[in-house]
Protein backbone atom coordinates (compact mmCIF):
# COMPACT_ATOMS: atom_id res chain seq x y z
CA LEU A 1 40.42 176.77 110.05
CA LYS A 2 37.60 178.98 109.62
CA GLU A 3 39.36 181.98 110.44
CA MET A 4 41.98 181.21 108.14
CA LYS A 5 39.05 180.82 105.21
CA LYS A 6 37.95 184.44 105.86
CA ILE A 7 41.45 185.63 105.29
CA LEU A 8 42.21 183.43 102.11
CA ALA A 9 38.39 184.85 101.09
CA LYS A 10 39.91 188.76 101.86
CA LEU A 11 42.74 188.12 99.43
CA ASN A 12 40.58 186.52 97.22
CA GLU A 13 37.96 189.83 96.92
CA VAL A 14 41.50 191.75 96.67
CA ASP A 15 42.73 190.28 93.36
CA MET A 16 39.30 189.76 91.54
CA LYS A 17 38.91 193.46 92.38
CA VAL A 18 42.13 194.39 90.46
CA VAL A 19 41.72 191.89 88.03
CA LYS A 20 38.24 193.43 87.10
CA ASP A 21 40.09 197.18 88.14
CA VAL A 22 42.65 196.49 85.17
CA LYS A 23 39.89 194.46 82.59
CA GLY A 24 38.17 196.92 82.66
CA GLU A 25 41.65 199.79 81.67
CA ALA A 26 42.16 197.10 79.24
CA PHE A 27 39.02 197.40 77.38
CA ASP A 28 39.33 201.05 77.62
CA TYR A 29 42.70 201.38 75.74
CA LEU A 30 41.38 198.56 73.10
CA ARG A 31 38.08 201.11 72.27
CA SER A 32 41.17 204.28 72.22
CA MET A 33 43.41 201.82 69.86
CA ASN A 34 40.46 200.92 67.72
CA LYS A 35 39.54 204.68 67.05
CA ILE A 36 43.21 205.18 65.90
CA ASP A 37 43.65 202.07 64.10
CA ILE A 38 40.47 203.83 61.88
CA GLU A 39 42.16 207.12 61.61
CA VAL A 40 45.17 205.58 60.54
CA ALA A 41 42.94 203.17 58.07
CA ALA A 42 40.91 206.23 56.92
CA ILE A 43 44.48 208.23 55.76
CA LYS A 44 45.56 204.93 54.32
CA GLU A 45 42.34 205.48 52.05
CA ALA A 46 43.12 209.10 51.45
CA LEU A 47 46.12 208.15 50.12
CA LYS A 48 45.52 205.76 47.59
CA ILE A 49 42.99 208.16 45.98
CA ASN A 50 45.67 210.87 46.38
CA ASP A 51 49.83 209.83 46.98
CA GLU A 52 50.69 213.02 46.05
CA ARG A 53 48.71 214.60 49.16
CA SER A 54 50.20 215.13 52.87
CA CYS A 55 49.45 213.33 55.91
CA ARG A 56 51.96 215.13 57.93
CA THR A 57 50.05 216.37 59.99
CA GLU A 58 47.48 213.88 60.18
CA VAL A 59 50.19 211.35 61.31
CA ASN A 60 51.68 213.39 63.74
CA ALA A 61 48.51 213.81 65.59
CA ILE A 62 48.27 210.14 65.43
CA ARG A 63 51.36 209.49 66.81
CA ALA A 64 50.81 212.05 69.79
CA LYS A 65 47.29 210.13 70.90
CA VAL A 66 49.47 206.82 70.86
CA GLU A 67 52.32 208.72 73.16
CA ASN A 68 49.29 209.75 75.08
CA LEU A 69 47.82 206.39 76.05
CA GLY A 70 50.53 205.29 77.68
CA MET A 71 50.82 201.69 77.03
CA GLU A 72 54.29 200.81 77.52
CA GLN A 73 52.99 201.82 81.45
CA PHE A 74 49.53 199.62 81.16
CA VAL A 75 51.55 196.99 80.17
CA ASP A 76 54.37 197.03 82.83
CA CYS A 77 50.82 197.02 85.31
CA LEU A 78 49.62 193.72 83.89
CA LYS A 79 52.81 191.43 84.88
CA LEU A 80 51.41 190.80 88.50
CA SER A 81 52.94 189.28 90.70
CA VAL A 82 52.46 188.58 94.85
CA ASN A 83 55.61 190.30 97.10
CA THR A 84 55.89 190.15 100.69
CA GLN A 85 57.38 193.25 102.28
CA PRO A 86 59.72 191.30 105.39
CA GLY A 87 59.13 193.97 108.10
CA SER A 88 55.12 194.03 107.37
CA MET A 89 55.12 190.12 107.11
CA ALA A 90 56.97 190.19 110.40
CA ALA A 91 54.35 192.41 112.31
CA ALA A 92 51.31 190.56 110.41
CA PHE A 93 51.97 187.32 111.27
CA ASP A 94 52.72 188.53 115.41
CA LYS A 95 49.02 189.80 115.03
CA ILE A 96 48.28 186.59 113.02
CA SER A 97 48.68 184.59 116.35
CA ASP A 98 46.64 186.52 118.53
CA ALA A 99 43.99 187.43 116.38
CA ILE A 100 43.54 183.49 115.98
CA PHE A 101 44.76 181.80 119.10
CA LEU A 102 45.00 178.81 120.36
CA GLU A 103 42.87 178.05 124.45
CA THR A 104 41.44 175.03 126.02
CA PRO A 105 38.68 175.34 128.62
CA ALA A 106 41.24 175.84 131.43
CA LEU A 107 43.82 177.73 129.15
CA SER A 108 43.01 180.72 127.31
CA SER A 109 45.28 183.73 126.53
CA LYS A 110 42.53 186.81 126.21
CA CYS A 111 41.63 186.19 130.30
CA LEU A 112 44.65 187.51 131.31
CA TYR A 113 45.91 191.22 131.26
CA LEU A 114 49.81 193.01 131.41
CA VAL A 115 50.19 195.28 133.87
CA ILE A 116 53.65 196.89 134.28
CA PRO A 117 52.95 199.09 137.51
CA GLU A 118 55.56 201.29 137.42
CA ARG A 119 53.87 202.91 134.48
CA LEU A 120 50.85 203.55 136.33
CA PRO A 121 50.17 207.14 137.74
CA MET A 122 49.72 205.95 140.99
CA PHE A 123 53.14 204.60 141.74
CA LYS A 124 54.77 205.30 144.09
CA MET A 125 58.68 206.07 143.71
CA ALA A 126 59.47 204.56 147.23
CA ASP A 127 58.91 201.80 145.73
CA PHE A 128 61.41 201.32 142.74
CA ASN A 129 63.79 198.73 142.37
CA PRO A 130 67.10 199.61 140.11
CA LYS A 131 67.72 195.62 139.98
CA PHE A 132 64.35 194.25 139.24
CA VAL A 133 61.26 195.06 137.39
CA ASP A 134 57.45 194.26 138.22
CA ILE A 135 55.01 192.92 135.94
CA GLN A 136 51.06 191.91 136.67
CA LEU A 137 49.57 189.75 135.19
CA HIS A 138 45.69 189.96 135.89
CA ILE A 139 42.69 187.64 135.89
CA VAL A 140 39.95 188.74 133.55
CA SER A 141 37.91 185.93 133.14
CA GLU A 142 34.03 186.17 133.95
CA SER A 143 34.26 182.94 135.29
CA THR A 144 35.07 182.74 139.21
CA ASN A 145 36.61 179.76 139.56
CA ALA A 146 39.52 181.23 137.31
CA THR A 147 42.98 181.02 139.64
CA PHE A 148 46.99 180.45 138.17
CA SER A 149 47.11 176.98 138.73
CA SER A 150 50.10 175.53 138.20
CA VAL A 151 49.71 174.04 134.87
CA LEU A 152 48.90 177.79 133.59
CA LEU A 153 51.80 179.22 135.52
CA GLN A 154 54.06 176.54 133.77
CA LYS A 155 52.60 177.97 130.84
CA LEU A 156 52.95 181.18 130.66
CA MET A 157 56.35 182.46 128.97
CA VAL A 158 57.62 186.30 130.09
CA THR A 159 60.35 187.53 127.82
CA VAL A 160 62.47 190.76 127.72
CA ALA A 161 64.21 191.78 124.57
CA CYS A 162 65.81 194.63 123.60
CA VAL A 163 63.95 196.27 121.02
CA GLY A 164 66.33 197.37 118.26
CA THR A 165 68.79 194.72 119.10
CA ASN A 166 66.40 192.01 119.48
CA ARG A 167 68.78 190.59 122.12
CA VAL A 168 66.56 188.74 124.63
CA PHE A 169 67.46 189.57 127.99
CA GLU A 170 65.64 187.33 130.37
CA GLU A 171 62.98 184.49 128.91
CA CYS A 172 61.26 182.14 131.48
CA SER A 173 58.08 180.45 132.50
CA VAL A 174 56.09 182.00 135.18
CA TRP A 175 56.56 178.69 137.07
CA SER A 176 60.49 179.44 136.94
CA LYS A 177 59.77 182.78 139.16
CA VAL A 178 57.29 180.78 141.53
CA GLU A 179 60.22 178.57 142.03
CA LYS A 180 62.36 180.86 142.62
CA ASN A 181 60.17 183.06 145.15
CA LYS A 182 59.87 185.58 142.20
CA THR A 183 56.40 186.28 142.47
CA ALA A 184 53.45 187.48 144.65
CA VAL A 185 50.14 186.42 144.68
CA SER A 186 47.54 188.63 145.49
CA GLU A 187 44.51 187.62 148.34
CA ASP A 188 41.93 186.75 145.50
CA GLY A 189 43.68 184.47 143.75
CA ARG A 190 43.42 186.63 140.40
CA ARG A 191 46.17 188.95 140.33
CA ILE A 192 50.12 187.65 139.82
CA THR A 193 52.95 189.57 140.27
CA VAL A 194 56.22 188.45 138.77
CA GLN A 195 60.05 190.31 139.79
CA LEU A 196 61.89 190.57 136.79
CA GLN A 197 65.49 191.33 136.24
CA ARG A 198 65.63 195.35 135.06
CA PRO A 199 67.75 196.34 131.77
CA ALA A 200 70.13 198.88 131.39
CA ASN A 201 69.41 201.81 129.62
CA THR A 202 67.84 200.48 126.76
CA VAL A 203 63.60 200.67 125.37
CA GLY A 204 62.57 196.71 126.52
CA LYS A 205 59.81 194.73 125.86
CA ILE A 206 57.85 192.88 127.49
CA SER A 207 56.00 189.86 126.38
CA VAL A 208 54.05 187.31 127.63
CA HIS A 209 52.72 184.70 125.62
CA LEU A 210 50.46 181.63 126.57
CA LEU A 211 50.11 179.04 124.59
CA GLY A 212 52.06 180.85 121.41
CA SER A 213 49.60 183.78 121.70
CA ASN A 214 50.54 187.71 123.55
CA ILE A 215 48.13 187.93 126.38
CA VAL A 216 46.44 190.89 126.57
CA ASN A 217 48.22 194.29 126.61
CA SER A 218 51.18 192.70 125.27
CA PRO A 219 53.58 193.46 124.21
CA VAL A 220 54.49 196.73 126.40
CA LEU A 221 57.43 198.63 125.21
CA HIS A 222 59.34 200.28 128.42
CA GLN A 223 62.12 203.06 128.52
CA PHE A 224 64.65 201.22 131.07
CA GLY A 225 67.33 203.68 132.58
CA TYR A 226 66.15 206.95 131.27
CA ASP A 227 64.60 209.41 135.05
CA GLU A 228 63.64 206.22 136.47
CA THR A 229 63.98 208.21 139.32
CA SER A 230 62.97 211.23 138.45
CA SER A 231 59.15 211.50 140.18
CA ASN A 232 57.91 213.58 136.55
CA ASN A 233 58.39 210.26 134.93
CA THR A 234 56.31 207.62 136.85
CA ALA A 235 54.82 207.05 134.22
CA GLY A 236 56.88 206.85 131.36
CA PRO A 237 55.72 207.25 127.81
CA ASN A 238 53.01 205.75 126.46
CA LEU A 239 55.01 203.11 124.31
CA THR A 240 52.44 200.00 124.68
CA LEU A 241 51.90 197.21 121.68
CA GLY A 242 49.52 195.41 123.25
CA ASN A 243 46.06 194.16 121.78
């Protein structure tokens, strides 16, 4: 709630600045219009004294001044409203859920880090599996007691989706992978390797969520099926989107 208040305060600050700027411009237009009004009144008084006097030049000059003011465009600028850009809003909501997240003393998305081993420079192509892709989840908490408990593994959700079509290729909990013997835990208990099905010929987005928020370095975009067996492309392009 405190963070949401900060966001609303920021939006209110932007609103106040825009309104202040518009008011300043409106006063400038009023001063310009008052000057033109004085000039028009002067022409009217001159015509009362000499009705045969030609004022075409003065009238044309005043007309030009009015046109140069651009009043119609300014009036349109006063019609302020709130709108949204769907793509940006979707990205914003994703970022908000990562910036403002739920946690418990035992569960925190920012205490875990996502790594795709085959994207690392030291990855050996001898370890490449054409049917599966490994991901690693590292505990980055300073607490020495932090481990991958059964509760944590049940709450950790992994999603592999195809970029562009948004088709979900695989979605599961890490615990379900444990039950299928598709995981391996390091000796110190602070890293778990999870085996996922490998999509073919697509750019995939690999995401790991805990309590609705991405863990650190999630999501990651990864090119599947593009010279994956080439030793010159072991690390792949830098497509990381993670926080």
